[in-house]
Amino acid sequence: MAARLKSTIWPQAGATSIDVSLSTPTVAMSLASDGRTIQVTTGGEKSSTNSYDMVFNTTPLGPLQQMDLSGLNLDRDILDGIRALSYDRATKVAININKRWWTGFYPNADAIHRGGGVSSSDLPLGFTVYPSNVLIASCTWAQDASRMAALVPDYTDPSTPTPSYTGPIAAVCLEGLVKLWAGRQEAPTLKDLHGYYITHHAWAWSHDPCTCGAFALFGPGRFQNIYPKFRELLANSWLAI
């Protein structure tokens, strides 16, 4: 995406080149002394403070609370909203496999090849989606997501073991798939799934510092009493949150 934005020939020749700064998280925002421009301070290896006439901040409210916004003189209701409006949890586990073993269980196998199918259960898996060779073995929300998230490894840690079907979260998913399909003729065994396994990847949005959650979850009265303040801020001032 950054390369496309920097291009002068996309989407057409003569396009304006936009250079995107990466790995420069915003750590603070404040009004400049002239009261008209906004100073944005970024961290990371290229830490700096720059002034802008307008800032469109699309940061989710969780990470937004991690920024120093004291210099913006925001209304107390806005600050309460940033703190109080919650984002629910979600965790997904995708497994790359070498055989779509489930297609034979459906009467219209061609449709499954094209669009996939969905299973739901009270197992730790939650929802399972069957799109193509990448099986979304587990898709969970709320408390179920927290429990699965506890098994998600830190993929940025070089000491994290190479993904394997013996890993905790993969093992839970594969064992759950065996239970999910138990009783069906020619249902896969755990040994079968180990043979189909190539690799896997899991992600918990509540553990992601760029999201701090998956989707907005408004409590009683919060949409009516707090969220309108954000809309007013968008309509009447220089900052869009």
C-alpha atoms as a PDB file:
ATOM      1  CA  MET A   1       0.000   0.000   0.000  1.00  0.00           C
ATOM      2  CA  ALA A   2       2.817   2.401   0.861  1.00  0.00           C
ATOM      3  CA  ALA A   3       4.497   1.679  -2.483  1.00  0.00           C
ATOM      4  CA  ARG A   4       1.250   2.354  -4.370  1.00  0.00           C
ATOM      5  CA  LEU A   5       0.764   5.687  -2.613  1.00  0.00           C
ATOM      6  CA  LYS A   6       4.330   6.703  -3.427  1.00  0.00           C
ATOM      7  CA  SER A   7       3.880   5.852  -7.113  1.00  0.00           C
ATOM      8  CA  THR A   8       3.599   8.641  -9.697  1.00  0.00           C
ATOM      9  CA  ILE A   9       1.987   6.352 -12.283  1.00  0.00           C
ATOM     10  CA  TRP A  10      -0.780   4.808 -10.145  1.00  0.00           C
ATOM     11  CA  PRO A  11      -3.726   5.056 -10.468  1.00  0.00           C
ATOM     12  CA  GLN A  12      -2.706   7.093 -13.511  1.00  0.00           C
ATOM     13  CA  ALA A  13       0.352   8.816 -14.929  1.00  0.00           C
ATOM     14  CA  GLY A  14       1.175  12.077 -13.178  1.00  0.00           C
ATOM     15  CA  ALA A  15      -0.357  11.005  -9.859  1.00  0.00           C
ATOM     16  CA  THR A  16       0.880  12.850  -6.781  1.00  0.00           C
ATOM     17  CA  SER A  17       3.470  10.869  -4.834  1.00  0.00           C
ATOM     18  CA  ILE A  18       2.606  10.414  -1.146  1.00  0.00           C
ATOM     19  CA  ASP A  19       5.417   9.236   1.103  1.00  0.00           C
ATOM     20  CA  VAL A  20       4.051   7.259   4.057  1.00  0.00           C
ATOM     21  CA  SER A  21       6.086   7.159   7.259  1.00  0.00           C
ATOM     22  CA  LEU A  22       6.147   3.686   8.775  1.00  0.00           C
ATOM     23  CA  SER A  23       7.075   2.564  12.299  1.00  0.00           C
ATOM     24  CA  THR A  24       6.396   6.070  13.632  1.00  0.00           C
ATOM     25  CA  PRO A  25       3.562   5.712  16.170  1.00  0.00           C
ATOM     26  CA  THR A  26       1.902   8.894  17.353  1.00  0.00           C
ATOM     27  CA  VAL A  27       2.601   9.446  21.053  1.00  0.00           C
ATOM     28  CA  ALA A  28       1.162  12.949  21.583  1.00  0.00           C
ATOM     29  CA  MET A  29      -0.998  15.636  19.990  1.00  0.00           C
ATOM     30  CA  SER A  30      -1.498  19.200  21.111  1.00  0.00           C
ATOM     31  CA  LEU A  31      -2.640  22.613  19.925  1.00  0.00           C
ATOM     32  CA  ALA A  32       0.178  24.897  18.836  1.00  0.00           C
ATOM     33  CA  SER A  33       0.599  28.275  20.501  1.00  0.00           C
ATOM     34  CA  ASP A  34      -1.218  29.966  17.593  1.00  0.00           C
ATOM     35  CA  GLY A  35      -4.338  27.967  18.472  1.00  0.00           C
ATOM     36  CA  ARG A  36      -4.869  26.977  14.835  1.00  0.00           C
ATOM     37  CA  THR A  37      -2.375  24.248  14.021  1.00  0.00           C
ATOM     38  CA  ILE A  38      -1.904  20.866  15.649  1.00  0.00           C
ATOM     39  CA  GLN A  39       1.419  19.485  16.754  1.00  0.00           C
ATOM     40  CA  VAL A  40       1.820  15.743  16.332  1.00  0.00           C
ATOM     41  CA  THR A  41       4.678  13.973  18.073  1.00  0.00           C
ATOM     42  CA  THR A  42       5.725  10.579  16.789  1.00  0.00           C
ATOM     43  CA  GLY A  43       7.913   7.997  18.476  1.00  0.00           C
ATOM     44  CA  GLY A  44       9.996   5.153  17.181  1.00  0.00           C
ATOM     45  CA  GLU A  45      13.362   5.480  15.481  1.00  0.00           C
ATOM     46  CA  LYS A  46      12.332   8.702  13.700  1.00  0.00           C
ATOM     47  CA  SER A  47      10.866  10.588  16.654  1.00  0.00           C
ATOM     48  CA  SER A  48       9.794  14.110  15.719  1.00  0.00           C
ATOM     49  CA  THR A  49       7.150  16.802  16.230  1.00  0.00           C
ATOM     50  CA  ASN A  50       5.409  18.354  13.223  1.00  0.00           C
ATOM     51  CA  SER A  51       2.627  20.912  12.806  1.00  0.00           C
ATOM     52  CA  TYR A  52      -0.457  20.407  10.633  1.00  0.00           C
ATOM     53  CA  ASP A  53      -3.465  22.511   9.713  1.00  0.00           C
ATOM     54  CA  MET A  54      -5.767  19.510  10.120  1.00  0.00           C
ATOM     55  CA  VAL A  55      -5.433  16.016  11.579  1.00  0.00           C
ATOM     56  CA  PHE A  56      -7.764  13.117  10.829  1.00  0.00           C
ATOM     57  CA  ASN A  57      -7.140  10.613  13.602  1.00  0.00           C
ATOM     58  CA  THR A  58      -8.680   7.226  12.817  1.00  0.00           C
ATOM     59  CA  THR A  59      -7.032   5.500  15.777  1.00  0.00           C
ATOM     60  CA  PRO A  60      -9.321   3.114  17.722  1.00  0.00           C
ATOM     61  CA  LEU A  61     -10.167   4.503  21.134  1.00  0.00           C
ATOM     62  CA  GLY A  62      -8.038   1.937  22.993  1.00  0.00           C
ATOM     63  CA  PRO A  63      -4.714   2.990  21.426  1.00  0.00           C
ATOM     64  CA  LEU A  64      -5.916   6.611  21.433  1.00  0.00           C
ATOM     65  CA  GLN A  65      -5.966   6.524  25.218  1.00  0.00           C
ATOM     66  CA  GLN A  66      -2.259   5.663  25.135  1.00  0.00           C
ATOM     67  CA  MET A  67      -1.464   9.020  23.485  1.00  0.00           C
ATOM     68  CA  ASP A  68      -0.880  12.231  25.423  1.00  0.00           C
ATOM     69  CA  LEU A  69      -3.881  14.351  24.414  1.00  0.00           C
ATOM     70  CA  SER A  70      -3.693  16.831  27.300  1.00  0.00           C
ATOM     71  CA  GLY A  71      -2.570  19.616  24.968  1.00  0.00           C
ATOM     72  CA  LEU A  72      -5.739  19.397  22.853  1.00  0.00           C
ATOM     73  CA  ASN A  73      -8.011  20.801  25.595  1.00  0.00           C
ATOM     74  CA  LEU A  74     -10.649  18.199  24.808  1.00  0.00           C
ATOM     75  CA  ASP A  75     -14.062  18.301  26.440  1.00  0.00           C
ATOM     76  CA  ARG A  76     -14.383  16.080  29.508  1.00  0.00           C
ATOM     77  CA  ASP A  77     -17.119  14.073  27.763  1.00  0.00           C
ATOM     78  CA  ILE A  78     -14.685  13.247  24.936  1.00  0.00           C
ATOM     79  CA  LEU A  79     -12.013  12.082  27.365  1.00  0.00           C
ATOM     80  CA  ASP A  80     -14.592   9.985  29.232  1.00  0.00           C
ATOM     81  CA  GLY A  81     -15.716   8.499  25.910  1.00  0.00           C
ATOM     82  CA  ILE A  82     -12.177   7.538  24.926  1.00  0.00           C
ATOM     83  CA  ARG A  83     -11.797   5.769  28.244  1.00  0.00           C
ATOM     84  CA  ALA A  84     -15.282   4.262  28.575  1.00  0.00           C
ATOM     85  CA  LEU A  85     -16.326   3.144  25.080  1.00  0.00           C
ATOM     86  CA  SER A  86     -15.230  -0.464  24.886  1.00  0.00           C
ATOM     87  CA  TYR A  87     -14.081  -2.779  22.122  1.00  0.00           C
ATOM     88  CA  ASP A  88     -14.979  -6.442  22.309  1.00  0.00           C
ATOM     89  CA  ARG A  89     -12.451  -9.246  21.934  1.00  0.00           C
ATOM     90  CA  ALA A  90     -11.921 -11.514  18.947  1.00  0.00           C
ATOM     91  CA  THR A  91      -9.417 -14.279  18.253  1.00  0.00           C
ATOM     92  CA  LYS A  92      -8.928 -16.223  15.020  1.00  0.00           C
ATOM     93  CA  VAL A  93      -6.800 -19.224  14.145  1.00  0.00           C
ATOM     94  CA  ALA A  94      -6.049 -20.007  10.485  1.00  0.00           C
ATOM     95  CA  ILE A  95      -4.531 -23.350   9.499  1.00  0.00           C
ATOM     96  CA  ASN A  96      -2.970 -23.944   6.091  1.00  0.00           C
ATOM     97  CA  ILE A  97      -3.754 -27.500   4.990  1.00  0.00           C
ATOM     98  CA  ASN A  98      -3.064 -29.639   1.926  1.00  0.00           C
ATOM     99  CA  LYS A  99      -6.481 -31.301   1.628  1.00  0.00           C
ATOM    100  CA  ARG A 100     -10.034 -29.935   1.801  1.00  0.00           C
ATOM    101  CA  TRP A 101     -11.328 -33.016   3.610  1.00  0.00           C
ATOM    102  CA  TRP A 102     -14.726 -31.492   4.451  1.00  0.00           C
ATOM    103  CA  THR A 103     -16.069 -31.080   0.898  1.00  0.00           C
ATOM    104  CA  GLY A 104     -17.285 -34.670   0.725  1.00  0.00           C
ATOM    105  CA  PHE A 105     -19.593 -34.081   3.708  1.00  0.00           C
ATOM    106  CA  TYR A 106     -21.769 -31.568   1.870  1.00  0.00           C
ATOM    107  CA  PRO A 107     -24.417 -32.430  -0.749  1.00  0.00           C
ATOM    108  CA  ASN A 108     -23.279 -29.551  -2.948  1.00  0.00           C
ATOM    109  CA  ALA A 109     -19.506 -29.950  -2.853  1.00  0.00           C
ATOM    110  CA  ASP A 110     -18.968 -27.546  -5.765  1.00  0.00           C
ATOM    111  CA  ALA A 111     -20.490 -24.679  -3.757  1.00  0.00           C
ATOM    112  CA  ILE A 112     -18.198 -25.478  -0.854  1.00  0.00           C
ATOM    113  CA  HIS A 113     -15.193 -25.352  -3.168  1.00  0.00           C
ATOM    114  CA  ARG A 114     -16.291 -21.920  -4.380  1.00  0.00           C
ATOM    115  CA  GLY A 115     -17.616 -20.218  -1.279  1.00  0.00           C
ATOM    116  CA  GLY A 116     -16.936 -22.405   1.731  1.00  0.00           C
ATOM    117  CA  GLY A 117     -19.127 -23.281   4.684  1.00  0.00           C
ATOM    118  CA  VAL A 118     -19.441 -22.514   8.402  1.00  0.00           C
ATOM    119  CA  SER A 119     -19.730 -24.682  11.523  1.00  0.00           C
ATOM    120  CA  SER A 120     -20.617 -23.452  14.999  1.00  0.00           C
ATOM    121  CA  SER A 121     -20.472 -25.301  18.297  1.00  0.00           C
ATOM    122  CA  ASP A 122     -19.928 -24.901  22.030  1.00  0.00           C
ATOM    123  CA  LEU A 123     -16.377 -26.221  21.643  1.00  0.00           C
ATOM    124  CA  PRO A 124     -13.445 -23.835  22.225  1.00  0.00           C
ATOM    125  CA  LEU A 125     -13.352 -23.413  18.426  1.00  0.00           C
ATOM    126  CA  GLY A 126     -16.477 -21.277  18.375  1.00  0.00           C
ATOM    127  CA  PHE A 127     -17.031 -20.813  14.632  1.00  0.00           C
ATOM    128  CA  THR A 128     -15.104 -22.677  11.944  1.00  0.00           C
ATOM    129  CA  VAL A 129     -15.038 -21.365   8.359  1.00  0.00           C
ATOM    130  CA  TYR A 130     -14.140 -23.529   5.367  1.00  0.00           C
ATOM    131  CA  PRO A 131     -13.135 -21.195   2.506  1.00  0.00           C
ATOM    132  CA  SER A 132     -10.239 -22.816   0.605  1.00  0.00           C
ATOM    133  CA  ASN A 133      -6.888 -24.320   1.585  1.00  0.00           C
ATOM    134  CA  VAL A 134      -6.603 -21.902   4.503  1.00  0.00           C
ATOM    135  CA  LEU A 135      -9.013 -23.241   7.083  1.00  0.00           C
ATOM    136  CA  ILE A 136     -10.220 -20.700   9.653  1.00  0.00           C
ATOM    137  CA  ALA A 137     -10.301 -23.347  12.346  1.00  0.00           C
ATOM    138  CA  SER A 138     -11.444 -21.039  15.126  1.00  0.00           C
ATOM    139  CA  CYS A 139     -13.222 -17.698  15.229  1.00  0.00           C
ATOM    140  CA  THR A 140     -14.300 -16.567  18.692  1.00  0.00           C
ATOM    141  CA  TRP A 141     -15.594 -13.489  20.488  1.00  0.00           C
ATOM    142  CA  ALA A 142     -15.891 -12.190  24.063  1.00  0.00           C
ATOM    143  CA  GLN A 143     -14.947 -14.640  26.849  1.00  0.00           C
ATOM    144  CA  ASP A 144     -14.250 -17.450  24.377  1.00  0.00           C
ATOM    145  CA  ALA A 145     -11.817 -15.143  22.572  1.00  0.00           C
ATOM    146  CA  SER A 146      -9.987 -14.336  25.804  1.00  0.00           C
ATOM    147  CA  ARG A 147      -9.497 -18.016  26.538  1.00  0.00           C
ATOM    148  CA  MET A 148      -8.159 -18.725  23.058  1.00  0.00           C
ATOM    149  CA  ALA A 149      -6.027 -15.575  23.162  1.00  0.00           C
ATOM    150  CA  ALA A 150      -4.201 -16.964  26.181  1.00  0.00           C
ATOM    151  CA  LEU A 151      -2.747 -19.600  23.825  1.00  0.00           C
ATOM    152  CA  VAL A 152      -1.670 -17.196  21.060  1.00  0.00           C
ATOM    153  CA  PRO A 153       2.142 -16.972  20.920  1.00  0.00           C
ATOM    154  CA  ASP A 154       4.128 -13.784  20.424  1.00  0.00           C
ATOM    155  CA  TYR A 155       5.104 -14.133  16.782  1.00  0.00           C
ATOM    156  CA  THR A 156       7.472 -11.155  17.039  1.00  0.00           C
ATOM    157  CA  ASP A 157       9.589 -12.966  19.629  1.00  0.00           C
ATOM    158  CA  PRO A 158      12.480 -14.750  17.854  1.00  0.00           C
ATOM    159  CA  SER A 159      12.394 -17.436  20.537  1.00  0.00           C
ATOM    160  CA  THR A 160       8.823 -18.419  19.611  1.00  0.00           C
ATOM    161  CA  PRO A 161       8.866 -21.992  18.247  1.00  0.00           C
ATOM    162  CA  THR A 162       8.127 -22.611  14.584  1.00  0.00           C
ATOM    163  CA  PRO A 163       4.373 -23.224  14.091  1.00  0.00           C
ATOM    164  CA  SER A 164       3.540 -26.897  14.523  1.00  0.00           C
ATOM    165  CA  TYR A 165       0.434 -28.990  15.051  1.00  0.00           C
ATOM    166  CA  THR A 166       1.838 -29.789  18.480  1.00  0.00           C
ATOM    167  CA  GLY A 167       1.645 -26.112  19.501  1.00  0.00           C
ATOM    168  CA  PRO A 168      -0.996 -25.413  22.202  1.00  0.00           C
ATOM    169  CA  ILE A 169      -3.467 -23.439  20.112  1.00  0.00           C
ATOM    170  CA  ALA A 170      -3.111 -25.659  17.028  1.00  0.00           C
ATOM    171  CA  ALA A 171      -3.577 -28.755  19.167  1.00  0.00           C
ATOM    172  CA  VAL A 172      -6.796 -27.360  20.675  1.00  0.00           C
ATOM    173  CA  CYS A 173      -8.137 -26.519  17.211  1.00  0.00           C
ATOM    174  CA  LEU A 174      -7.279 -29.852  15.619  1.00  0.00           C
ATOM    175  CA  GLU A 175      -8.677 -31.846  18.517  1.00  0.00           C
ATOM    176  CA  GLY A 176     -11.796 -29.684  18.364  1.00  0.00           C
ATOM    177  CA  LEU A 177     -12.225 -30.398  14.655  1.00  0.00           C
ATOM    178  CA  VAL A 178     -12.089 -34.131  15.342  1.00  0.00           C
ATOM    179  CA  LYS A 179     -14.852 -33.758  17.957  1.00  0.00           C
ATOM    180  CA  LEU A 180     -16.858 -31.453  15.695  1.00  0.00           C
ATOM    181  CA  TRP A 181     -17.011 -33.998  12.886  1.00  0.00           C
ATOM    182  CA  ALA A 182     -17.178 -37.146  15.045  1.00  0.00           C
ATOM    183  CA  GLY A 183     -19.947 -39.467  13.972  1.00  0.00           C
ATOM    184  CA  ARG A 184     -19.817 -38.499  10.315  1.00  0.00           C
ATOM    185  CA  GLN A 185     -18.870 -41.242   7.904  1.00  0.00           C
ATOM    186  CA  GLU A 186     -15.191 -40.956   6.947  1.00  0.00           C
ATOM    187  CA  ALA A 187     -14.691 -38.181   9.473  1.00  0.00           C
ATOM    188  CA  PRO A 188     -11.001 -37.208   9.873  1.00  0.00           C
ATOM    189  CA  THR A 189      -8.981 -38.595  12.735  1.00  0.00           C
ATOM    190  CA  LEU A 190      -6.436 -36.553  14.617  1.00  0.00           C
ATOM    191  CA  LYS A 191      -3.717 -38.429  12.718  1.00  0.00           C
ATOM    192  CA  ASP A 192      -5.385 -37.438   9.434  1.00  0.00           C
ATOM    193  CA  LEU A 193      -5.422 -33.752  10.403  1.00  0.00           C
ATOM    194  CA  HIS A 194      -1.780 -33.907  11.437  1.00  0.00           C
ATOM    195  CA  GLY A 195      -1.025 -35.204   7.945  1.00  0.00           C
ATOM    196  CA  TYR A 196      -3.045 -32.422   6.276  1.00  0.00           C
ATOM    197  CA  TYR A 197      -1.418 -29.707   8.405  1.00  0.00           C
ATOM    198  CA  ILE A 198       1.126 -27.344   6.789  1.00  0.00           C
ATOM    199  CA  THR A 199       1.307 -24.369   9.167  1.00  0.00           C
ATOM    200  CA  HIS A 200      -0.946 -22.056  11.177  1.00  0.00           C
ATOM    201  CA  HIS A 201      -1.255 -18.489  12.421  1.00  0.00           C
ATOM    202  CA  ALA A 202      -3.324 -17.108  15.290  1.00  0.00           C
ATOM    203  CA  TRP A 203      -4.198 -13.538  16.183  1.00  0.00           C
ATOM    204  CA  ALA A 204      -5.938 -11.907  19.143  1.00  0.00           C
ATOM    205  CA  TRP A 205      -7.120  -8.368  18.445  1.00  0.00           C
ATOM    206  CA  SER A 206      -7.216  -7.560  22.161  1.00  0.00           C
ATOM    207  CA  HIS A 207      -3.461  -8.226  22.299  1.00  0.00           C
ATOM    208  CA  ASP A 208      -2.714  -6.012  19.286  1.00  0.00           C
ATOM    209  CA  PRO A 209      -1.316  -2.611  20.410  1.00  0.00           C
ATOM    210  CA  CYS A 210      -2.731  -1.026  17.232  1.00  0.00           C
ATOM    211  CA  THR A 211      -6.318  -2.105  17.951  1.00  0.00           C
ATOM    212  CA  CYS A 212      -6.685  -3.028  21.668  1.00  0.00           C
ATOM    213  CA  GLY A 213      -9.861  -4.891  20.715  1.00  0.00           C
ATOM    214  CA  ALA A 214     -11.892  -5.977  17.713  1.00  0.00           C
ATOM    215  CA  PHE A 215     -15.098  -3.954  17.337  1.00  0.00           C
ATOM    216  CA  ALA A 216     -16.969  -1.265  19.234  1.00  0.00           C
ATOM    217  CA  LEU A 217     -19.323  -2.546  21.926  1.00  0.00           C
ATOM    218  CA  PHE A 218     -21.522   0.224  23.297  1.00  0.00           C
ATOM    219  CA  GLY A 219     -22.895  -0.206  26.798  1.00  0.00           C
ATOM    220  CA  PRO A 220     -26.284   1.113  27.977  1.00  0.00           C
ATOM    221  CA  GLY A 221     -26.705   4.800  27.171  1.00  0.00           C
ATOM    222  CA  ARG A 222     -23.172   5.260  25.864  1.00  0.00           C
ATOM    223  CA  PHE A 223     -24.117   5.577  22.202  1.00  0.00           C
ATOM    224  CA  GLN A 224     -26.827   8.109  23.048  1.00  0.00           C
ATOM    225  CA  ASN A 225     -24.993  10.102  25.693  1.00  0.00           C
ATOM    226  CA  ILE A 226     -21.292   9.904  24.794  1.00  0.00           C
ATOM    227  CA  TYR A 227     -20.859   9.075  21.122  1.00  0.00           C
ATOM    228  CA  PRO A 228     -22.710  12.230  19.851  1.00  0.00           C
ATOM    229  CA  LYS A 229     -19.892  14.316  21.332  1.00  0.00           C
ATOM    230  CA  PHE A 230     -17.480  12.672  18.911  1.00  0.00           C
ATOM    231  CA  ARG A 231     -19.759  13.544  16.003  1.00  0.00           C
ATOM    232  CA  GLU A 232     -19.922  17.165  17.168  1.00  0.00           C
ATOM    233  CA  LEU A 233     -16.145  17.254  17.347  1.00  0.00           C
ATOM    234  CA  LEU A 234     -15.943  15.955  13.788  1.00  0.00           C
ATOM    235  CA  ALA A 235     -18.426  18.495  12.495  1.00  0.00           C
ATOM    236  CA  ASN A 236     -17.322  21.600  14.368  1.00  0.00           C
ATOM    237  CA  SER A 237     -13.582  21.444  14.912  1.00  0.00           C
ATOM    238  CA  TRP A 238     -10.207  20.657  13.427  1.00  0.00           C
ATOM    239  CA  LEU A 239      -9.872  17.136  14.827  1.00  0.00           C
ATOM    240  CA  ALA A 240     -11.741  14.060  13.616  1.00  0.00           C
ATOM    241  CA  ILE A 241     -11.650  11.053  15.890  1.00  0.00           C
END
